[in-house]
Amino acid sequence: MVGAGLIDPLGNTYKADLPSGQATVEKRIRTNFDSYNGFLSKANARNDFGNGTYIDYIFTSKMRVSEWETVANVDSNRNFIGVIPSDHNMIRATVGLP
């Protein structure tokens, strides 16, 4: 994907929690949570900031990415609220098309 000129708005790099200087997203929402949850009752996050571990991505061309969210309905202890619909947390982005 990167070889085709697409970018990861979060600026993920291999085995790193902190975004690289290549990050383009303006607002991060729960990006510290991992994209894979394995149907566990607690959402995994490697830290309280930065990026979680991702196996799911949204790649974009060079465009405005105003928001990027790992969608997870969790309480203050990171326990999922309600039914966990998948073994992956949904991810979403708000982009401005050129």
PDB file of N, CA and C in Angstrom:
ATOM      1  N   MET A   1       0.833  -1.191   0.000  1.00  0.00           N
ATOM      2  CA  MET A   1       0.000   0.000   0.000  1.00  0.00           C
ATOM      3  C   MET A   1       0.880   1.258   0.000  1.00  0.00           C
ATOM      4  N   VAL A   2       1.876   1.270   0.883  1.00  0.00           N
ATOM      5  CA  VAL A   2       2.766   2.427   0.963  1.00  0.00           C
ATOM      6  C   VAL A   2       3.549   2.579  -0.346  1.00  0.00           C
ATOM      7  N   GLY A   3       3.942   1.461  -0.933  1.00  0.00           N
ATOM      8  CA  GLY A   3       4.649   1.486  -2.200  1.00  0.00           C
ATOM      9  C   GLY A   3       3.818   2.082  -3.323  1.00  0.00           C
ATOM     10  N   ALA A   4       2.494   2.035  -3.176  1.00  0.00           N
ATOM     11  CA  ALA A   4       1.586   2.608  -4.174  1.00  0.00           C
ATOM     12  C   ALA A   4       1.314   4.087  -3.899  1.00  0.00           C
ATOM     13  N   GLY A   5       1.964   4.648  -2.864  1.00  0.00           N
ATOM     14  CA  GLY A   5       1.802   6.074  -2.577  1.00  0.00           C
ATOM     15  C   GLY A   5       0.766   6.404  -1.524  1.00  0.00           C
ATOM     16  N   LEU A   6       0.180   5.389  -0.886  1.00  0.00           N
ATOM     17  CA  LEU A   6      -0.808   5.642   0.172  1.00  0.00           C
ATOM     18  C   LEU A   6      -0.088   5.801   1.508  1.00  0.00           C
ATOM     19  N   ILE A   7      -0.757   6.462   2.443  1.00  0.00           N
ATOM     20  CA  ILE A   7      -0.162   6.703   3.754  1.00  0.00           C
ATOM     21  C   ILE A   7      -1.107   6.267   4.866  1.00  0.00           C
ATOM     22  N   ASP A   8      -0.542   5.965   6.006  1.00  0.00           N
ATOM     23  CA  ASP A   8      -1.308   5.673   7.218  1.00  0.00           C
ATOM     24  C   ASP A   8      -1.420   6.981   7.989  1.00  0.00           C
ATOM     25  N   PRO A   9      -2.616   7.568   8.095  1.00  0.00           N
ATOM     26  CA  PRO A   9      -2.761   8.859   8.781  1.00  0.00           C
ATOM     27  C   PRO A   9      -2.262   8.864  10.219  1.00  0.00           C
ATOM     28  N   LEU A  10      -2.224   7.689  10.884  1.00  0.00           N
ATOM     29  CA  LEU A  10      -1.739   7.627  12.263  1.00  0.00           C
ATOM     30  C   LEU A  10      -0.226   7.687  12.356  1.00  0.00           C
ATOM     31  N   GLY A  11       0.458   7.490  11.258  1.00  0.00           N
ATOM     32  CA  GLY A  11       1.915   7.523  11.287  1.00  0.00           C
ATOM     33  C   GLY A  11       2.511   6.327  11.997  1.00  0.00           C
ATOM     34  N   ASN A  12       1.827   5.169  11.919  1.00  0.00           N
ATOM     35  CA  ASN A  12       2.348   3.957  12.544  1.00  0.00           C
ATOM     36  C   ASN A  12       3.657   3.535  11.901  1.00  0.00           C
ATOM     37  N   THR A  13       4.544   3.042  12.705  1.00  0.00           N
ATOM     38  CA  THR A  13       5.763   2.413  12.218  1.00  0.00           C
ATOM     39  C   THR A  13       5.898   1.068  12.925  1.00  0.00           C
ATOM     40  N   TYR A  14       6.703   0.201  12.391  1.00  0.00           N
ATOM     41  CA  TYR A  14       6.837  -1.159  12.898  1.00  0.00           C
ATOM     42  C   TYR A  14       7.253  -1.176  14.370  1.00  0.00           C
ATOM     43  N   LYS A  15       6.439  -1.849  15.194  1.00  0.00           N
ATOM     44  CA  LYS A  15       6.691  -2.044  16.631  1.00  0.00           C
ATOM     45  C   LYS A  15       6.884  -0.744  17.414  1.00  0.00           C
ATOM     46  N   ALA A  16       6.175   0.311  17.030  1.00  0.00           N
ATOM     47  CA  ALA A  16       6.287   1.582  17.743  1.00  0.00           C
ATOM     48  C   ALA A  16       4.917   2.028  18.246  1.00  0.00           C
ATOM     49  N   ASP A  17       4.866   2.597  19.441  1.00  0.00           N
ATOM     50  CA  ASP A  17       3.618   3.115  20.002  1.00  0.00           C
ATOM     51  C   ASP A  17       3.371   4.561  19.604  1.00  0.00           C
ATOM     52  N   LEU A  18       4.440   5.299  19.443  1.00  0.00           N
ATOM     53  CA  LEU A  18       4.304   6.723  19.154  1.00  0.00           C
ATOM     54  C   LEU A  18       4.253   6.952  17.653  1.00  0.00           C
ATOM     55  N   PRO A  19       3.387   7.858  17.196  1.00  0.00           N
ATOM     56  CA  PRO A  19       3.306   8.128  15.767  1.00  0.00           C
ATOM     57  C   PRO A  19       4.592   8.752  15.243  1.00  0.00           C
ATOM     58  N   SER A  20       4.884   8.447  14.003  1.00  0.00           N
ATOM     59  CA  SER A  20       6.061   9.034  13.360  1.00  0.00           C
ATOM     60  C   SER A  20       5.734  10.451  12.897  1.00  0.00           C
ATOM     61  N   GLY A  21       6.720  11.125  12.380  1.00  0.00           N
ATOM     62  CA  GLY A  21       6.516  12.460  11.821  1.00  0.00           C
ATOM     63  C   GLY A  21       5.666  12.438  10.568  1.00  0.00           C
ATOM     64  N   GLN A  22       5.340  11.248  10.073  1.00  0.00           N
ATOM     65  CA  GLN A  22       4.509  11.104   8.880  1.00  0.00           C
ATOM     66  C   GLN A  22       3.011  11.129   9.201  1.00  0.00           C
ATOM     67  N   ALA A  23       2.632  11.196  10.479  1.00  0.00           N
ATOM     68  CA  ALA A  23       1.214  11.221  10.856  1.00  0.00           C
ATOM     69  C   ALA A  23       0.556  12.478  10.302  1.00  0.00           C
ATOM     70  N   THR A  24      -0.634  12.306   9.723  1.00  0.00           N
ATOM     71  CA  THR A  24      -1.358  13.432   9.141  1.00  0.00           C
ATOM     72  C   THR A  24      -2.690  13.716   9.828  1.00  0.00           C
ATOM     73  N   VAL A  25      -3.157  12.808  10.679  1.00  0.00           N
ATOM     74  CA  VAL A  25      -4.461  12.982  11.313  1.00  0.00           C
ATOM     75  C   VAL A  25      -4.436  14.177  12.260  1.00  0.00           C
ATOM     76  N   GLU A  26      -5.538  14.923  12.282  1.00  0.00           N
ATOM     77  CA  GLU A  26      -5.625  16.108  13.127  1.00  0.00           C
ATOM     78  C   GLU A  26      -6.164  15.797  14.524  1.00  0.00           C
ATOM     79  N   LYS A  27      -7.148  14.909  14.615  1.00  0.00           N
ATOM     80  CA  LYS A  27      -7.754  14.576  15.917  1.00  0.00           C
ATOM     81  C   LYS A  27      -7.799  13.062  16.062  1.00  0.00           C
ATOM     82  N   ARG A  28      -7.266  12.578  17.181  1.00  0.00           N
ATOM     83  CA  ARG A  28      -7.241  11.152  17.484  1.00  0.00           C
ATOM     84  C   ARG A  28      -8.299  10.834  18.539  1.00  0.00           C
ATOM     85  N   ILE A  29      -9.065   9.770  18.302  1.00  0.00           N
ATOM     86  CA  ILE A  29     -10.078   9.328  19.263  1.00  0.00           C
ATOM     87  C   ILE A  29      -9.804   7.858  19.570  1.00  0.00           C
ATOM     88  N   ARG A  30      -9.403   7.578  20.789  1.00  0.00           N
ATOM     89  CA  ARG A  30      -9.096   6.217  21.260  1.00  0.00           C
ATOM     90  C   ARG A  30      -8.113   5.468  20.353  1.00  0.00           C
ATOM     91  N   THR A  31      -7.176   6.166  19.764  1.00  0.00           N
ATOM     92  CA  THR A  31      -6.202   5.492  18.904  1.00  0.00           C
ATOM     93  C   THR A  31      -5.220   4.645  19.699  1.00  0.00           C
ATOM     94  N   ASN A  32      -5.228   4.800  21.022  1.00  0.00           N
ATOM     95  CA  ASN A  32      -4.344   3.984  21.857  1.00  0.00           C
ATOM     96  C   ASN A  32      -4.855   2.555  22.026  1.00  0.00           C
ATOM     97  N   PHE A  33      -6.129   2.292  21.672  1.00  0.00           N
ATOM     98  CA  PHE A  33      -6.667   0.933  21.761  1.00  0.00           C
ATOM     99  C   PHE A  33      -6.221   0.114  20.560  1.00  0.00           C
ATOM    100  N   ASP A  34      -5.976  -1.172  20.774  1.00  0.00           N
ATOM    101  CA  ASP A  34      -5.620  -2.078  19.685  1.00  0.00           C
ATOM    102  C   ASP A  34      -6.829  -2.274  18.771  1.00  0.00           C
ATOM    103  N   SER A  35      -6.566  -2.563  17.496  1.00  0.00           N
ATOM    104  CA  SER A  35      -7.687  -2.797  16.576  1.00  0.00           C
ATOM    105  C   SER A  35      -8.260  -4.211  16.739  1.00  0.00           C
ATOM    106  N   TYR A  36      -7.483  -5.137  17.251  1.00  0.00           N
ATOM    107  CA  TYR A  36      -7.950  -6.503  17.466  1.00  0.00           C
ATOM    108  C   TYR A  36      -8.288  -6.677  18.937  1.00  0.00           C
ATOM    109  N   ASN A  37      -9.501  -7.188  19.229  1.00  0.00           N
ATOM    110  CA  ASN A  37      -9.886  -7.355  20.631  1.00  0.00           C
ATOM    111  C   ASN A  37     -10.053  -8.815  21.051  1.00  0.00           C
ATOM    112  N   GLY A  38     -10.103  -9.758  20.102  1.00  0.00           N
ATOM    113  CA  GLY A  38     -10.179 -11.179  20.432  1.00  0.00           C
ATOM    114  C   GLY A  38     -11.390 -11.567  21.265  1.00  0.00           C
ATOM    115  N   PHE A  39     -12.466 -10.771  21.209  1.00  0.00           N
ATOM    116  CA  PHE A  39     -13.679 -10.990  21.998  1.00  0.00           C
ATOM    117  C   PHE A  39     -13.412 -10.969  23.507  1.00  0.00           C
ATOM    118  N   LEU A  40     -12.316 -10.350  23.920  1.00  0.00           N
ATOM    119  CA  LEU A  40     -12.045 -10.221  25.351  1.00  0.00           C
ATOM    120  C   LEU A  40     -12.985  -9.178  25.950  1.00  0.00           C
ATOM    121  N   SER A  41     -13.216  -9.237  27.244  1.00  0.00           N
ATOM    122  CA  SER A  41     -14.147  -8.301  27.880  1.00  0.00           C
ATOM    123  C   SER A  41     -13.521  -6.936  28.148  1.00  0.00           C
ATOM    124  N   LYS A  42     -12.198  -6.862  28.077  1.00  0.00           N
ATOM    125  CA  LYS A  42     -11.497  -5.605  28.342  1.00  0.00           C
ATOM    126  C   LYS A  42     -10.732  -5.180  27.096  1.00  0.00           C
ATOM    127  N   ALA A  43     -10.860  -3.911  26.729  1.00  0.00           N
ATOM    128  CA  ALA A  43     -10.162  -3.384  25.561  1.00  0.00           C
ATOM    129  C   ALA A  43      -8.682  -3.217  25.876  1.00  0.00           C
ATOM    130  N   ASN A  44      -7.842  -3.745  25.021  1.00  0.00           N
ATOM    131  CA  ASN A  44      -6.409  -3.662  25.242  1.00  0.00           C
ATOM    132  C   ASN A  44      -5.862  -2.348  24.698  1.00  0.00           C
ATOM    133  N   ALA A  45      -5.042  -1.710  25.505  1.00  0.00           N
ATOM    134  CA  ALA A  45      -4.339  -0.491  25.102  1.00  0.00           C
ATOM    135  C   ALA A  45      -2.931  -0.588  25.664  1.00  0.00           C
ATOM    136  N   ARG A  46      -1.936  -0.348  24.827  1.00  0.00           N
ATOM    137  CA  ARG A  46      -0.551  -0.457  25.283  1.00  0.00           C
ATOM    138  C   ARG A  46      -0.144   0.716  26.150  1.00  0.00           C
ATOM    139  N   ASN A  47      -0.870   1.811  26.052  1.00  0.00           N
ATOM    140  CA  ASN A  47      -0.568   3.015  26.825  1.00  0.00           C
ATOM    141  C   ASN A  47      -1.810   3.909  26.827  1.00  0.00           C
ATOM    142  N   ASP A  48      -1.732   5.075  27.421  1.00  0.00           N
ATOM    143  CA  ASP A  48      -2.871   5.995  27.464  1.00  0.00           C
ATOM    144  C   ASP A  48      -2.810   7.054  26.373  1.00  0.00           C
ATOM    145  N   PHE A  49      -1.874   6.932  25.469  1.00  0.00           N
ATOM    146  CA  PHE A  49      -1.670   7.928  24.416  1.00  0.00           C
ATOM    147  C   PHE A  49      -1.096   7.213  23.194  1.00  0.00           C
ATOM    148  N   GLY A  50      -0.863   7.917  22.138  1.00  0.00           N
ATOM    149  CA  GLY A  50      -0.208   7.334  20.964  1.00  0.00           C
ATOM    150  C   GLY A  50      -1.080   6.338  20.241  1.00  0.00           C
ATOM    151  N   ASN A  51      -0.444   5.309  19.700  1.00  0.00           N
ATOM    152  CA  ASN A  51      -1.135   4.303  18.894  1.00  0.00           C
ATOM    153  C   ASN A  51      -1.139   2.961  19.598  1.00  0.00           C
ATOM    154  N   GLY A  52      -2.234   2.239  19.415  1.00  0.00           N
ATOM    155  CA  GLY A  52      -2.286   0.856  19.854  1.00  0.00           C
ATOM    156  C   GLY A  52      -1.625  -0.013  18.801  1.00  0.00           C
ATOM    157  N   THR A  53      -1.826  -1.319  18.918  1.00  0.00           N
ATOM    158  CA  THR A  53      -1.343  -2.250  17.918  1.00  0.00           C
ATOM    159  C   THR A  53      -2.447  -2.427  16.885  1.00  0.00           C
ATOM    160  N   TYR A  54      -2.088  -2.282  15.619  1.00  0.00           N
ATOM    161  CA  TYR A  54      -3.101  -2.357  14.576  1.00  0.00           C
ATOM    162  C   TYR A  54      -2.821  -3.472  13.599  1.00  0.00           C
ATOM    163  N   ILE A  55      -3.873  -4.238  13.271  1.00  0.00           N
ATOM    164  CA  ILE A  55      -3.843  -5.148  12.135  1.00  0.00           C
ATOM    165  C   ILE A  55      -4.894  -4.708  11.124  1.00  0.00           C
ATOM    166  N   ASP A  56      -5.627  -3.666  11.462  1.00  0.00           N
ATOM    167  CA  ASP A  56      -6.621  -3.068  10.576  1.00  0.00           C
ATOM    168  C   ASP A  56      -6.182  -1.630  10.320  1.00  0.00           C
ATOM    169  N   TYR A  57      -6.262  -1.195   9.085  1.00  0.00           N
ATOM    170  CA  TYR A  57      -5.767   0.130   8.715  1.00  0.00           C
ATOM    171  C   TYR A  57      -6.753   0.859   7.817  1.00  0.00           C
ATOM    172  N   ILE A  58      -6.624   2.153   7.793  1.00  0.00           N
ATOM    173  CA  ILE A  58      -7.253   2.990   6.784  1.00  0.00           C
ATOM    174  C   ILE A  58      -6.108   3.735   6.116  1.00  0.00           C
ATOM    175  N   PHE A  59      -5.868   3.425   4.865  1.00  0.00           N
ATOM    176  CA  PHE A  59      -4.832   4.124   4.112  1.00  0.00           C
ATOM    177  C   PHE A  59      -5.493   5.200   3.259  1.00  0.00           C
ATOM    178  N   THR A  60      -4.829   6.326   3.110  1.00  0.00           N
ATOM    179  CA  THR A  60      -5.358   7.414   2.292  1.00  0.00           C
ATOM    180  C   THR A  60      -4.278   7.926   1.345  1.00  0.00           C
ATOM    181  N   SER A  61      -4.728   8.671   0.363  1.00  0.00           N
ATOM    182  CA  SER A  61      -3.765   9.435  -0.418  1.00  0.00           C
ATOM    183  C   SER A  61      -3.469  10.684   0.408  1.00  0.00           C
ATOM    184  N   LYS A  62      -2.710  11.594  -0.119  1.00  0.00           N
ATOM    185  CA  LYS A  62      -2.375  12.794   0.645  1.00  0.00           C
ATOM    186  C   LYS A  62      -3.582  13.730   0.647  1.00  0.00           C
ATOM    187  N   MET A  63      -4.407  13.580   1.667  1.00  0.00           N
ATOM    188  CA  MET A  63      -5.622  14.375   1.829  1.00  0.00           C
ATOM    189  C   MET A  63      -5.786  14.723   3.296  1.00  0.00           C
ATOM    190  N   ARG A  64      -6.682  15.636   3.578  1.00  0.00           N
ATOM    191  CA  ARG A  64      -6.950  16.019   4.963  1.00  0.00           C
ATOM    192  C   ARG A  64      -7.683  14.881   5.676  1.00  0.00           C
ATOM    193  N   VAL A  65      -7.165  14.492   6.835  1.00  0.00           N
ATOM    194  CA  VAL A  65      -7.816  13.498   7.693  1.00  0.00           C
ATOM    195  C   VAL A  65      -8.093  14.215   9.011  1.00  0.00           C
ATOM    196  N   SER A  66      -9.339  14.654   9.180  1.00  0.00           N
ATOM    197  CA  SER A  66      -9.658  15.468  10.357  1.00  0.00           C
ATOM    198  C   SER A  66      -9.836  14.636  11.624  1.00  0.00           C
ATOM    199  N   GLU A  67     -10.312  13.384  11.487  1.00  0.00           N
ATOM    200  CA  GLU A  67     -10.491  12.516  12.662  1.00  0.00           C
ATOM    201  C   GLU A  67     -10.148  11.079  12.304  1.00  0.00           C
ATOM    202  N   TRP A  68      -9.651  10.378  13.283  1.00  0.00           N
ATOM    203  CA  TRP A  68      -9.402   8.936  13.173  1.00  0.00           C
ATOM    204  C   TRP A  68      -9.797   8.333  14.509  1.00  0.00           C
ATOM    205  N   GLU A  69     -10.656   7.307  14.478  1.00  0.00           N
ATOM    206  CA  GLU A  69     -11.185   6.737  15.718  1.00  0.00           C
ATOM    207  C   GLU A  69     -11.116   5.221  15.718  1.00  0.00           C
ATOM    208  N   THR A  70     -10.713   4.672  16.851  1.00  0.00           N
ATOM    209  CA  THR A  70     -10.913   3.259  17.134  1.00  0.00           C
ATOM    210  C   THR A  70     -12.223   3.204  17.913  1.00  0.00           C
ATOM    211  N   VAL A  71     -13.243   2.644  17.310  1.00  0.00           N
ATOM    212  CA  VAL A  71     -14.582   2.652  17.899  1.00  0.00           C
ATOM    213  C   VAL A  71     -14.682   1.532  18.929  1.00  0.00           C
ATOM    214  N   ALA A  72     -14.803   1.909  20.195  1.00  0.00           N
ATOM    215  CA  ALA A  72     -14.910   0.943  21.283  1.00  0.00           C
ATOM    216  C   ALA A  72     -15.746   1.581  22.393  1.00  0.00           C
ATOM    217  N   ASN A  73     -16.850   0.952  22.724  1.00  0.00           N
ATOM    218  CA  ASN A  73     -17.719   1.430  23.795  1.00  0.00           C
ATOM    219  C   ASN A  73     -17.226   0.800  25.098  1.00  0.00           C
ATOM    220  N   VAL A  74     -16.452   1.576  25.871  1.00  0.00           N
ATOM    221  CA  VAL A  74     -15.827   1.047  27.081  1.00  0.00           C
ATOM    222  C   VAL A  74     -16.120   1.952  28.286  1.00  0.00           C
ATOM    223  N   ASP A  75     -16.031   1.354  29.479  1.00  0.00           N
ATOM    224  CA  ASP A  75     -16.181   2.145  30.694  1.00  0.00           C
ATOM    225  C   ASP A  75     -14.815   2.671  31.130  1.00  0.00           C
ATOM    226  N   SER A  76     -14.757   3.294  32.294  1.00  0.00           N
ATOM    227  CA  SER A  76     -13.508   3.912  32.762  1.00  0.00           C
ATOM    228  C   SER A  76     -12.402   2.893  33.067  1.00  0.00           C
ATOM    229  N   ASN A  77     -12.770   1.611  33.204  1.00  0.00           N
ATOM    230  CA  ASN A  77     -11.790   0.539  33.432  1.00  0.00           C
ATOM    231  C   ASN A  77     -11.439  -0.201  32.142  1.00  0.00           C
ATOM    232  N   ARG A  78     -11.874   0.342  31.020  1.00  0.00           N
ATOM    233  CA  ARG A  78     -11.652  -0.229  29.685  1.00  0.00           C
ATOM    234  C   ARG A  78     -12.414  -1.519  29.441  1.00  0.00           C
ATOM    235  N   ASN A  79     -13.449  -1.796  30.246  1.00  0.00           N
ATOM    236  CA  ASN A  79     -14.302  -2.954  29.999  1.00  0.00           C
ATOM    237  C   ASN A  79     -15.311  -2.587  28.924  1.00  0.00           C
ATOM    238  N   PHE A  80     -15.523  -3.498  27.955  1.00  0.00           N
ATOM    239  CA  PHE A  80     -16.509  -3.247  26.918  1.00  0.00           C
ATOM    240  C   PHE A  80     -17.903  -3.172  27.525  1.00  0.00           C
ATOM    241  N   ILE A  81     -18.703  -2.280  27.015  1.00  0.00           N
ATOM    242  CA  ILE A  81     -20.087  -2.124  27.444  1.00  0.00           C
ATOM    243  C   ILE A  81     -20.964  -2.743  26.362  1.00  0.00           C
ATOM    244  N   GLY A  82     -21.849  -3.635  26.763  1.00  0.00           N
ATOM    245  CA  GLY A  82     -22.752  -4.270  25.806  1.00  0.00           C
ATOM    246  C   GLY A  82     -22.094  -5.423  25.072  1.00  0.00           C
ATOM    247  N   VAL A  83     -22.708  -5.787  23.954  1.00  0.00           N
ATOM    248  CA  VAL A  83     -22.242  -6.921  23.153  1.00  0.00           C
ATOM    249  C   VAL A  83     -21.063  -6.495  22.295  1.00  0.00           C
ATOM    250  N   ILE A  84     -20.033  -7.313  22.274  1.00  0.00           N
ATOM    251  CA  ILE A  84     -18.877  -7.058  21.412  1.00  0.00           C
ATOM    252  C   ILE A  84     -19.215  -7.668  20.049  1.00  0.00           C
ATOM    253  N   PRO A  85     -19.422  -6.835  19.023  1.00  0.00           N
ATOM    254  CA  PRO A  85     -19.936  -7.346  17.746  1.00  0.00           C
ATOM    255  C   PRO A  85     -18.920  -8.094  16.888  1.00  0.00           C
ATOM    256  N   SER A  86     -17.638  -7.961  17.173  1.00  0.00           N
ATOM    257  CA  SER A  86     -16.602  -8.578  16.345  1.00  0.00           C
ATOM    258  C   SER A  86     -15.334  -8.759  17.171  1.00  0.00           C
ATOM    259  N   ASP A  87     -14.416  -9.578  16.646  1.00  0.00           N
ATOM    260  CA  ASP A  87     -13.125  -9.721  17.322  1.00  0.00           C
ATOM    261  C   ASP A  87     -12.162  -8.609  16.916  1.00  0.00           C
ATOM    262  N   HIS A  88     -12.642  -7.659  16.130  1.00  0.00           N
ATOM    263  CA  HIS A  88     -11.887  -6.461  15.759  1.00  0.00           C
ATOM    264  C   HIS A  88     -12.708  -5.235  16.136  1.00  0.00           C
ATOM    265  N   ASN A  89     -12.053  -4.219  16.657  1.00  0.00           N
ATOM    266  CA  ASN A  89     -12.744  -2.956  16.897  1.00  0.00           C
ATOM    267  C   ASN A  89     -12.855  -2.233  15.558  1.00  0.00           C
ATOM    268  N   MET A  90     -14.006  -1.636  15.324  1.00  0.00           N
ATOM    269  CA  MET A  90     -14.187  -0.877  14.100  1.00  0.00           C
ATOM    270  C   MET A  90     -13.262   0.339  14.130  1.00  0.00           C
ATOM    271  N   ILE A  91     -12.745   0.704  12.995  1.00  0.00           N
ATOM    272  CA  ILE A  91     -11.985   1.939  12.880  1.00  0.00           C
ATOM    273  C   ILE A  91     -12.666   2.810  11.849  1.00  0.00           C
ATOM    274  N   ARG A  92     -12.588   4.127  12.025  1.00  0.00           N
ATOM    275  CA  ARG A  92     -13.220   5.033  11.093  1.00  0.00           C
ATOM    276  C   ARG A  92     -12.398   6.297  10.975  1.00  0.00           C
ATOM    277  N   ALA A  93     -12.539   6.945   9.850  1.00  0.00           N
ATOM    278  CA  ALA A  93     -11.822   8.208   9.632  1.00  0.00           C
ATOM    279  C   ALA A  93     -12.749   9.186   8.933  1.00  0.00           C
ATOM    280  N   THR A  94     -12.579  10.443   9.228  1.00  0.00           N
ATOM    281  CA  THR A  94     -13.268  11.524   8.515  1.00  0.00           C
ATOM    282  C   THR A  94     -12.223  12.184   7.634  1.00  0.00           C
ATOM    283  N   VAL A  95     -12.456  12.140   6.329  1.00  0.00           N
ATOM    284  CA  VAL A  95     -11.474  12.672   5.390  1.00  0.00           C
ATOM    285  C   VAL A  95     -12.109  13.760   4.516  1.00  0.00           C
ATOM    286  N   GLY A  96     -11.265  14.631   4.030  1.00  0.00           N
ATOM    287  CA  GLY A  96     -11.699  15.647   3.076  1.00  0.00           C
ATOM    288  C   GLY A  96     -11.164  15.288   1.718  1.00  0.00           C
ATOM    289  N   LEU A  97     -12.050  14.983   0.799  1.00  0.00           N
ATOM    290  CA  LEU A  97     -11.614  14.582  -0.540  1.00  0.00           C
ATOM    291  C   LEU A  97     -11.030  15.793  -1.280  1.00  0.00           C
ATOM    292  N   PRO A  98      -9.941  15.544  -2.008  1.00  0.00           N
ATOM    293  CA  PRO A  98      -9.310  16.664  -2.723  1.00  0.00           C
ATOM    294  C   PRO A  98     -10.177  17.159  -3.880  1.00  0.00           C
TER     295      PRO A  98
END
